[in-house]
């Protein structure tokens, strides 16, 4: 009985630390980095870069998420969306979180430096600093354009994957960066619209709080148009072919439909649906890039 209780307590503690890494968010980050590796080469990805690159990027991304939870634990305790996180619930302490993220992040960076290449390590470290420090500590509480400027960090994963395989950053890698950079504002502002009151409650200057719903809805539409243009560039530059073009036209058409409906006939449910679709959109877009890449190989 004692051994059973000890095992259950240990499993529960491990789960809480795992939750600090925001696994659902990190999974999309790792997925786009993973696809970036395959898009970087015409044939098979070297197993060393694939395994250690993916794992190293995942560990550093998890550490960045944990630092975000640490910095924003007071806010998280107020907002309904985040009240159940481990730190506001007191299931892990500040010291434990700091120790955890240091070990996890440090292990990931060492792995990238020693077993992938130094460029990937430095780019990943820069992404960590950009998200966990510049975005979380500086931009997020100070400017309603936080998600636009800070989106540069969130757009880096496919570049990291590309660098892990090739040891360089090319124009095609930067095009993948640009796609996620353009995707981030309409994705996040859809969430901010239906969570506006929660952000206002904690004094976070999100766009709907500082400039109102109508202004935000217009910007969701404008950035979705920008995203549509940007996502056509892989075909224009001959990075991809007809499979990607057909796929992205369908995906963009649905995203534009949501953006137009948000602008014209807003409801919280519509914004929630648009937010959920935006996650599926990005995943399917990268799948389309991958299928197209190997179909023409």
Foldseek 3Di string as FASTA:
>chain_A
DVVVVVVVLVVVLVVLLVVLLVVVLLVLLLLLLLLLLLLLDLDDFPPLLNVLLSQLLSLQSSLLSNLLCLVCVVLLCQAPVRVPRCDNVVVDDSVVSVVSSCVSNVVSLCSCPPRFHNVLSVLSVVLSCLRNPCLRPPQFQPDQCSQLVSQLSVLCSSQSSSCSRVVDGDPVSVLSSVLSSLLRLLLVLLVCLLRVVSCVVVNTPHCCVPPNQLVSLVVSLVSLVVSLVSQCVCPVVVSFHDQLVVQSVVLSVVLNVLSVCCNPPNDNVSSVVSNVSSSVSVSVSSVSSSVRSNVVD
